[in-house]
C-alpha atoms as a PDB file:
ATOM      1  CA  MET A   1       4.738  -1.997 -30.594  1.00  0.00           C
ATOM      2  CA  SER A   2       5.390  -5.064 -32.721  1.00  0.00           C
ATOM      3  CA  ASP A   3       2.679  -7.127 -34.330  1.00  0.00           C
ATOM      4  CA  ASP A   4       3.149 -10.247 -36.447  1.00  0.00           C
ATOM      5  CA  LEU A   5       1.605  -9.684 -39.862  1.00  0.00           C
ATOM      6  CA  GLN A   6      -0.836 -12.003 -41.612  1.00  0.00           C
ATOM      7  CA  GLY A   7      -1.148 -12.952 -45.272  1.00  0.00           C
ATOM      8  CA  LEU A   8       2.595 -12.696 -45.922  1.00  0.00           C
ATOM      9  CA  GLU A   9       2.528 -15.884 -47.994  1.00  0.00           C
ATOM     10  CA  ARG A  10       0.973 -13.788 -50.778  1.00  0.00           C
ATOM     11  CA  ILE A  11       3.678 -11.112 -50.616  1.00  0.00           C
ATOM     12  CA  PRO A  12       7.313 -11.301 -51.843  1.00  0.00           C
ATOM     13  CA  ALA A  13       9.635 -12.301 -49.019  1.00  0.00           C
ATOM     14  CA  SER A  14      11.910  -9.372 -49.839  1.00  0.00           C
ATOM     15  CA  MET A  15       9.200  -6.987 -48.575  1.00  0.00           C
ATOM     16  CA  HIS A  16       8.254  -8.748 -45.326  1.00  0.00           C
ATOM     17  CA  GLN A  17      10.695  -6.914 -43.072  1.00  0.00           C
ATOM     18  CA  SER A  18       9.921  -3.518 -44.615  1.00  0.00           C
ATOM     19  CA  LEU A  19       6.183  -4.017 -44.190  1.00  0.00           C
ATOM     20  CA  GLN A  20       6.574  -5.086 -40.563  1.00  0.00           C
ATOM     21  CA  ALA A  21       8.642  -1.984 -39.858  1.00  0.00           C
ATOM     22  CA  TYR A  22       6.071   0.126 -41.699  1.00  0.00           C
ATOM     23  CA  VAL A  23       3.113  -1.151 -39.677  1.00  0.00           C
ATOM     24  CA  ASN A  24       5.056  -0.605 -36.452  1.00  0.00           C
ATOM     25  CA  THR A  25       5.852   2.959 -37.527  1.00  0.00           C
ATOM     26  CA  VAL A  26       2.221   3.721 -38.348  1.00  0.00           C
ATOM     27  CA  ARG A  27       1.091   2.356 -34.982  1.00  0.00           C
ATOM     28  CA  GLU A  28       3.688   4.464 -33.208  1.00  0.00           C
ATOM     29  CA  HIS A  29       2.503   7.700 -34.810  1.00  0.00           C
ATOM     30  CA  VAL A  30      -1.283   7.247 -34.818  1.00  0.00           C
ATOM     31  CA  GLY A  31      -1.602   5.300 -31.570  1.00  0.00           C
ATOM     32  CA  ALA A  32      -4.892   3.815 -30.401  1.00  0.00           C
ATOM     33  CA  LYS A  33      -6.756   5.183 -33.431  1.00  0.00           C
ATOM     34  CA  PHE A  34      -5.169   2.447 -35.579  1.00  0.00           C
ATOM     35  CA  LEU A  35      -7.593  -0.251 -36.795  1.00  0.00           C
ATOM     36  CA  ALA A  36      -5.992  -1.977 -39.803  1.00  0.00           C
ATOM     37  CA  ALA A  37      -3.315  -1.905 -42.489  1.00  0.00           C
ATOM     38  CA  THR A  38      -4.037  -3.338 -45.935  1.00  0.00           C
ATOM     39  CA  VAL A  39      -1.866  -3.656 -49.051  1.00  0.00           C
ATOM     40  CA  PHE A  40      -3.280  -4.036 -52.553  1.00  0.00           C
ATOM     41  CA  GLY A  41      -2.379  -4.123 -56.228  1.00  0.00           C
ATOM     42  CA  SER A  42       0.852  -5.458 -57.700  1.00  0.00           C
ATOM     43  CA  ILE A  43       2.329  -6.465 -54.320  1.00  0.00           C
ATOM     44  CA  VAL A  44      -0.492  -9.016 -54.007  1.00  0.00           C
ATOM     45  CA  ALA A  45      -0.936  -9.855 -57.701  1.00  0.00           C
ATOM     46  CA  GLY A  46       2.555 -11.297 -58.105  1.00  0.00           C
ATOM     47  CA  THR A  47       3.693  -8.544 -60.490  1.00  0.00           C
ATOM     48  CA  PHE A  48       5.529  -6.339 -57.983  1.00  0.00           C
ATOM     49  CA  ASP A  49       8.849  -4.989 -59.254  1.00  0.00           C
ATOM     50  CA  PRO A  50      10.685  -2.817 -56.693  1.00  0.00           C
ATOM     51  CA  ALA A  51      12.524  -1.098 -59.537  1.00  0.00           C
ATOM     52  CA  ARG A  52       9.219   0.262 -60.876  1.00  0.00           C
ATOM     53  CA  HIS A  53       6.603  -0.102 -58.137  1.00  0.00           C
ATOM     54  CA  THR A  54       5.900   0.995 -54.603  1.00  0.00           C
ATOM     55  CA  VAL A  55       3.564  -0.862 -52.258  1.00  0.00           C
ATOM     56  CA  ARG A  56       0.092   0.659 -52.427  1.00  0.00           C
ATOM     57  CA  ASN A  57      -1.667   0.507 -49.084  1.00  0.00           C
ATOM     58  CA  VAL A  58      -4.543   1.696 -46.926  1.00  0.00           C
ATOM     59  CA  VAL A  59      -4.449   2.498 -43.223  1.00  0.00           C
ATOM     60  CA  VAL A  60      -7.847   2.470 -41.509  1.00  0.00           C
ATOM     61  CA  LEU A  61      -8.201   4.607 -38.396  1.00  0.00           C
ATOM     62  CA  GLU A  62     -11.043   5.041 -35.923  1.00  0.00           C
ATOM     63  CA  THR A  63     -10.807   8.789 -36.504  1.00  0.00           C
ATOM     64  CA  ILE A  64      -8.304  10.807 -38.501  1.00  0.00           C
ATOM     65  CA  GLU A  65      -6.292  13.465 -36.711  1.00  0.00           C
ATOM     66  CA  LEU A  66      -3.979  15.674 -38.740  1.00  0.00           C
ATOM     67  CA  ALA A  67      -1.385  15.780 -35.967  1.00  0.00           C
ATOM     68  CA  GLY A  68      -0.833  12.034 -36.293  1.00  0.00           C
ATOM     69  CA  LEU A  69      -0.545  12.299 -40.068  1.00  0.00           C
ATOM     70  CA  ARG A  70       1.944  15.125 -39.636  1.00  0.00           C
ATOM     71  CA  ARG A  71       4.116  12.928 -37.439  1.00  0.00           C
ATOM     72  CA  LEU A  72       3.902  10.080 -39.929  1.00  0.00           C
ATOM     73  CA  ALA A  73       4.769  12.423 -42.807  1.00  0.00           C
ATOM     74  CA  LYS A  74       8.245  12.874 -41.345  1.00  0.00           C
ATOM     75  CA  GLU A  75       8.887   9.201 -42.175  1.00  0.00           C
ATOM     76  CA  GLY A  76       8.112   9.808 -45.859  1.00  0.00           C
ATOM     77  CA  MET A  77      11.662   9.647 -47.227  1.00  0.00           C
ATOM     78  CA  LYS A  78      12.416   6.490 -45.255  1.00  0.00           C
ATOM     79  CA  LEU A  79       9.236   4.816 -46.500  1.00  0.00           C
ATOM     80  CA  GLY A  80       9.966   5.868 -50.076  1.00  0.00           C
ATOM     81  CA  LYS A  81      13.362   4.193 -49.914  1.00  0.00           C
ATOM     82  CA  ALA A  82      11.615   1.080 -48.586  1.00  0.00           C
ATOM     83  CA  LYS A  83       9.346   1.121 -51.679  1.00  0.00           C
ATOM     84  CA  ILE A  84       6.190   1.826 -49.701  1.00  0.00           C
ATOM     85  CA  SER A  85       3.728   4.468 -50.926  1.00  0.00           C
ATOM     86  CA  ALA A  86       2.144   7.049 -48.693  1.00  0.00           C
ATOM     87  CA  PRO A  87      -0.961   5.322 -47.288  1.00  0.00           C
ATOM     88  CA  LEU A  88      -4.532   6.095 -48.173  1.00  0.00           C
ATOM     89  CA  MET A  89      -5.989   7.109 -44.809  1.00  0.00           C
ATOM     90  CA  MET A  90      -9.603   6.089 -44.233  1.00  0.00           C
ATOM     91  CA  THR A  91     -12.131   5.440 -41.510  1.00  0.00           C
ATOM     92  CA  PRO A  92     -14.779   2.689 -41.549  1.00  0.00           C
ATOM     93  CA  ASP A  93     -17.490   5.305 -42.069  1.00  0.00           C
ATOM     94  CA  TYR A  94     -15.593   6.874 -44.952  1.00  0.00           C
ATOM     95  CA  ILE A  95     -15.328   3.484 -46.689  1.00  0.00           C
ATOM     96  CA  GLN A  96     -19.033   2.716 -46.372  1.00  0.00           C
ATOM     97  CA  GLN A  97     -20.112   6.221 -47.355  1.00  0.00           C
ATOM     98  CA  SER A  98     -17.826   6.384 -50.412  1.00  0.00           C
ATOM     99  CA  LEU A  99     -18.895   3.241 -52.261  1.00  0.00           C
ATOM    100  CA  ASP A 100     -21.272   5.301 -54.391  1.00  0.00           C
ATOM    101  CA  SER A 101     -18.613   7.928 -55.205  1.00  0.00           C
ATOM    102  CA  PHE A 102     -15.517   5.768 -55.783  1.00  0.00           C
ATOM    103  CA  PRO A 103     -16.731   2.230 -56.511  1.00  0.00           C
ATOM    104  CA  LEU A 104     -13.944   1.484 -59.018  1.00  0.00           C
ATOM    105  CA  GLU A 105     -11.196   2.370 -56.546  1.00  0.00           C
ATOM    106  CA  PHE A 106     -12.790   0.298 -53.796  1.00  0.00           C
ATOM    107  CA  LEU A 107     -13.446  -2.559 -56.219  1.00  0.00           C
ATOM    108  CA  GLU A 108      -9.756  -2.559 -57.113  1.00  0.00           C
ATOM    109  CA  ILE A 109      -8.827  -2.934 -53.441  1.00  0.00           C
ATOM    110  CA  HIS A 110     -11.560  -5.493 -52.801  1.00  0.00           C
ATOM    111  CA  GLN A 111     -10.419  -7.783 -55.612  1.00  0.00           C
ATOM    112  CA  GLN A 112      -6.688  -7.910 -54.806  1.00  0.00           C
ATOM    113  CA  HIS A 113      -5.684  -7.096 -51.267  1.00  0.00           C
ATOM    114  CA  VAL A 114      -4.165  -8.518 -48.110  1.00  0.00           C
ATOM    115  CA  CYS A 115      -5.115  -7.201 -44.687  1.00  0.00           C
ATOM    116  CA  LEU A 116      -1.772  -7.303 -42.870  1.00  0.00           C
ATOM    117  CA  THR A 117      -3.212  -6.651 -39.444  1.00  0.00           C
ATOM    118  CA  GLY A 118      -6.512  -5.647 -37.879  1.00  0.00           C
ATOM    119  CA  THR A 119     -10.008  -5.934 -39.317  1.00  0.00           C
ATOM    120  CA  ASP A 120     -10.396  -6.543 -43.049  1.00  0.00           C
ATOM    121  CA  PHE A 121     -12.694  -3.701 -44.071  1.00  0.00           C
ATOM    122  CA  PHE A 122     -12.495  -4.502 -47.804  1.00  0.00           C
ATOM    123  CA  GLN A 123     -13.466  -8.168 -47.994  1.00  0.00           C
ATOM    124  CA  ASP A 124     -17.261  -7.904 -47.911  1.00  0.00           C
ATOM    125  CA  LEU A 125     -18.043  -4.568 -49.512  1.00  0.00           C
ATOM    126  CA  PRO A 126     -21.463  -4.211 -51.180  1.00  0.00           C
ATOM    127  CA  PHE A 127     -21.164  -2.835 -54.715  1.00  0.00           C
ATOM    128  CA  GLU A 128     -24.063  -1.380 -56.698  1.00  0.00           C
ATOM    129  CA  ASP A 129     -23.813  -1.998 -60.441  1.00  0.00           C
ATOM    130  CA  SER A 130     -25.366   1.382 -61.208  1.00  0.00           C
ATOM    131  CA  PHE A 131     -22.615   3.209 -59.320  1.00  0.00           C
ATOM    132  CA  ILE A 132     -19.898   1.184 -61.073  1.00  0.00           C
ATOM    133  CA  ARG A 133     -21.370   1.867 -64.498  1.00  0.00           C
ATOM    134  CA  LEU A 134     -21.709   5.592 -63.793  1.00  0.00           C
ATOM    135  CA  GLN A 135     -18.120   5.946 -62.610  1.00  0.00           C
ATOM    136  CA  ALA A 136     -16.847   3.856 -65.535  1.00  0.00           C
ATOM    137  CA  GLU A 137     -18.579   6.270 -67.904  1.00  0.00           C
ATOM    138  CA  ARG A 138     -17.152   9.257 -66.055  1.00  0.00           C
ATOM    139  CA  GLU A 139     -13.634   7.794 -66.016  1.00  0.00           C
ATOM    140  CA  ILE A 140     -13.617   7.099 -69.743  1.00  0.00           C
ATOM    141  CA  LYS A 141     -14.808  10.622 -70.522  1.00  0.00           C
ATOM    142  CA  THR A 142     -12.251  12.108 -68.117  1.00  0.00           C
ATOM    143  CA  ILE A 143      -9.448  10.071 -69.689  1.00  0.00           C
ATOM    144  CA  LEU A 144     -10.406  11.325 -73.153  1.00  0.00           C
ATOM    145  CA  ILE A 145     -10.442  14.941 -71.965  1.00  0.00           C
ATOM    146  CA  GLY A 146      -7.056  14.419 -70.334  1.00  0.00           C
ATOM    147  CA  MET A 147      -5.600  12.965 -73.527  1.00  0.00           C
ATOM    148  CA  ARG A 148      -6.830  15.932 -75.548  1.00  0.00           C
ATOM    149  CA  GLN A 149      -5.416  18.393 -73.040  1.00  0.00           C
ATOM    150  CA  GLY A 150      -2.158  16.459 -72.849  1.00  0.00           C
ATOM    151  CA  LEU A 151      -1.800  16.503 -76.615  1.00  0.00           C
ATOM    152  CA  LEU A 152      -2.218  20.267 -76.654  1.00  0.00           C
ATOM    153  CA  ALA A 153       0.186  20.730 -73.754  1.00  0.00           C
ATOM    154  CA  ALA A 154       2.816  18.606 -75.532  1.00  0.00           C
ATOM    155  CA  ALA A 155       3.043  21.433 -78.079  1.00  0.00           C
ATOM    156  CA  GLY A 156       4.196  19.157 -80.863  1.00  0.00           C
ATOM    157  CA  ARG A 157       6.793  17.306 -78.759  1.00  0.00           C
ATOM    158  CA  GLU A 158       5.670  13.787 -79.623  1.00  0.00           C
ATOM    159  CA  LYS A 159       8.149  12.165 -77.243  1.00  0.00           C
ATOM    160  CA  LEU A 160       5.874  13.419 -74.429  1.00  0.00           C
ATOM    161  CA  LEU A 161       2.945  11.350 -75.686  1.00  0.00           C
ATOM    162  CA  SER A 162       4.281   8.144 -74.133  1.00  0.00           C
ATOM    163  CA  GLY A 163       4.140   9.823 -70.712  1.00  0.00           C
ATOM    164  CA  ILE A 164       0.499  10.686 -71.284  1.00  0.00           C
ATOM    165  CA  GLU A 165      -0.210   7.045 -72.137  1.00  0.00           C
ATOM    166  CA  GLY A 166       1.444   5.928 -68.917  1.00  0.00           C
ATOM    167  CA  ASP A 167      -0.905   8.106 -66.875  1.00  0.00           C
ATOM    168  CA  VAL A 168      -3.896   6.700 -68.758  1.00  0.00           C
ATOM    169  CA  VAL A 169      -3.149   2.995 -68.352  1.00  0.00           C
ATOM    170  CA  GLU A 170      -3.696   2.614 -64.593  1.00  0.00           C
ATOM    171  CA  ARG A 171      -7.071   4.378 -64.666  1.00  0.00           C
ATOM    172  CA  LEU A 172      -8.075   2.487 -67.785  1.00  0.00           C
ATOM    173  CA  ILE A 173      -7.319  -0.931 -66.302  1.00  0.00           C
ATOM    174  CA  ARG A 174      -9.331  -0.020 -63.201  1.00  0.00           C
ATOM    175  CA  THR A 175     -12.244   0.935 -65.434  1.00  0.00           C
ATOM    176  CA  LEU A 176     -12.009  -2.267 -67.480  1.00  0.00           C
ATOM    177  CA  ARG A 177     -12.144  -4.310 -64.276  1.00  0.00           C
ATOM    178  CA  GLY A 178     -15.353  -2.478 -63.432  1.00  0.00           C
ATOM    179  CA  LEU A 179     -16.817  -3.390 -66.815  1.00  0.00           C
ATOM    180  CA  LEU A 180     -16.032  -7.056 -66.193  1.00  0.00           C
ATOM    181  CA  TRP A 181     -17.716  -6.817 -62.808  1.00  0.00           C
ATOM    182  CA  LEU A 182     -20.847  -5.614 -64.557  1.00  0.00           C
ATOM    183  CA  HIS A 183     -20.607  -8.717 -66.765  1.00  0.00           C
ATOM    184  CA  GLN A 184     -20.548 -10.903 -63.633  1.00  0.00           C
ATOM    185  CA  GLN A 185     -16.815 -11.697 -63.902  1.00  0.00           C
ATOM    186  CA  ARG A 186     -15.700 -11.091 -60.339  1.00  0.00           C
ATOM    187  CA  GLU A 187     -12.289 -12.777 -60.046  1.00  0.00           C
ATOM    188  CA  PRO A 188      -9.095 -10.658 -60.202  1.00  0.00           C
ATOM    189  CA  LEU A 189      -7.259 -11.097 -63.500  1.00  0.00           C
ATOM    190  CA  PRO A 190      -3.981  -9.795 -64.991  1.00  0.00           C
ATOM    191  CA  ALA A 191      -4.351  -6.572 -66.965  1.00  0.00           C
ATOM    192  CA  LEU A 192      -4.053  -8.079 -70.459  1.00  0.00           C
ATOM    193  CA  THR A 193      -6.465 -10.857 -69.513  1.00  0.00           C
ATOM    194  CA  VAL A 194      -8.911  -8.217 -68.296  1.00  0.00           C
ATOM    195  CA  LEU A 195      -8.695  -6.543 -71.698  1.00  0.00           C
ATOM    196  CA  ALA A 196      -9.171  -9.869 -73.505  1.00  0.00           C
ATOM    197  CA  GLU A 197     -12.298 -10.607 -71.478  1.00  0.00           C
ATOM    198  CA  VAL A 198     -13.698  -7.139 -72.171  1.00  0.00           C
ATOM    199  CA  GLU A 199     -13.021  -7.618 -75.894  1.00  0.00           C
ATOM    200  CA  LYS A 200     -14.870 -10.923 -75.758  1.00  0.00           C
ATOM    201  CA  SER A 201     -17.798  -9.345 -73.896  1.00  0.00           C
ATOM    202  CA  VAL A 202     -18.268  -6.531 -76.438  1.00  0.00           C
ATOM    203  CA  SER A 203     -17.144  -8.478 -79.545  1.00  0.00           C
ATOM    204  CA  GLN A 204     -14.533  -5.867 -80.420  1.00  0.00           C
ATOM    205  CA  THR A 205     -10.728  -5.721 -80.507  1.00  0.00           C
ATOM    206  CA  PHE A 206      -8.810  -2.838 -78.934  1.00  0.00           C
ATOM    207  CA  SER A 207      -5.293  -3.043 -80.348  1.00  0.00           C
ATOM    208  CA  GLY A 208      -4.358   0.454 -79.177  1.00  0.00           C
ATOM    209  CA  ILE A 209      -5.296  -0.318 -75.583  1.00  0.00           C
ATOM    210  CA  ARG A 210      -3.482  -3.649 -75.780  1.00  0.00           C
ATOM    211  CA  GLN A 211      -0.259  -1.995 -76.891  1.00  0.00           C
ATOM    212  CA  ALA A 212      -0.501   0.680 -74.189  1.00  0.00           C
ATOM    213  CA  ILE A 213      -1.055  -1.906 -71.437  1.00  0.00           C
ATOM    214  CA  GLY A 214       1.722  -4.130 -72.754  1.00  0.00           C
ATOM    215  CA  GLY A 215       4.127  -1.199 -72.727  1.00  0.00           C
ATOM    216  CA  GLN A 216       6.068  -2.519 -75.694  1.00  0.00           C
ATOM    217  CA  GLY A 217       7.002  -1.030 -79.046  1.00  0.00           C
ATOM    218  CA  ASN A 218       6.819   2.590 -80.154  1.00  0.00           C
ATOM    219  CA  HIS A 219       4.532   5.061 -78.417  1.00  0.00           C
ATOM    220  CA  GLY A 220       4.356   7.989 -80.789  1.00  0.00           C
ATOM    221  CA  TRP A 221       1.560   9.778 -82.600  1.00  0.00           C
ATOM    222  CA  GLU A 222       0.092   6.748 -84.397  1.00  0.00           C
ATOM    223  CA  GLU A 223      -0.099   4.729 -81.178  1.00  0.00           C
ATOM    224  CA  PHE A 224      -1.556   7.673 -79.262  1.00  0.00           C
ATOM    225  CA  GLN A 225      -4.211   8.117 -81.920  1.00  0.00           C
ATOM    226  CA  GLN A 226      -5.154   4.427 -81.868  1.00  0.00           C
ATOM    227  CA  LEU A 227      -5.382   4.418 -78.074  1.00  0.00           C
ATOM    228  CA  TYR A 228      -7.656   7.457 -78.157  1.00  0.00           C
ATOM    229  CA  THR A 229      -9.879   5.851 -80.806  1.00  0.00           C
ATOM    230  CA  ASP A 230     -10.202   2.653 -78.759  1.00  0.00           C
ATOM    231  CA  ILE A 231     -11.095   4.523 -75.576  1.00  0.00           C
ATOM    232  CA  ASP A 232     -13.647   6.605 -77.468  1.00  0.00           C
ATOM    233  CA  SER A 233     -15.205   3.358 -78.707  1.00  0.00           C
ATOM    234  CA  LEU A 234     -15.484   2.209 -75.100  1.00  0.00           C
ATOM    235  CA  ARG A 235     -17.256   5.466 -74.263  1.00  0.00           C
ATOM    236  CA  GLY A 236     -19.909   4.672 -76.852  1.00  0.00           C
ATOM    237  CA  ILE A 237     -20.293   1.124 -75.582  1.00  0.00           C
ATOM    238  CA  ILE A 238     -20.759   2.210 -71.953  1.00  0.00           C
ATOM    239  CA  ASN A 239     -23.245   4.902 -72.956  1.00  0.00           C
ATOM    240  CA  ALA A 240     -25.340   2.252 -74.677  1.00  0.00           C
ATOM    241  CA  TRP A 241     -25.597   0.062 -71.549  1.00  0.00           C
END
């Protein structure tokens, strides 16, 4: 079943055909349960690089049946070659009932997404500031624990520290966007601009975070230590709110 997609003016032309084929494939395997397909993140933000990124997406179904997911899973290698990530599978009820548990993830989708077809379930989500602040605190603390564990697991092999930083950055940017939301800054911004606005809001500079987000220069012990110190400072700031 073919279906002309909407919102393609916000997506690189090189991905239009792949996304159309993807939506058709999903429809074929999940059938009448299909409600919507949404893409979000770099593919919408204008920073998508097929050499480094895959298209992050959500498929919303009326109900989720494992048999349909199993059929779709067989298309995994083909979708990977097309630079499309495995979809996040959700139902409308799941979305509404998870806003208290995963507000940062849903905020990320809400701020930068395109509903390719079906109902846009992410446009008018109600976010509670208290839930965002709580998850931001939890994320920062979890990141710090992960950095400590990663440092121990590296067993003195400092070249592994840059990989740990890479895992931290995506979660950190998501958390910083949540902090801006709490400061009533609701528009989607590039990652470094997000950091600059957070720095302005708290009257503090985070050079370690800036270098990690920018992805430039050395990423050894000194940089790892500075990043950890900056994130720990954020922990104290959030705790004080």
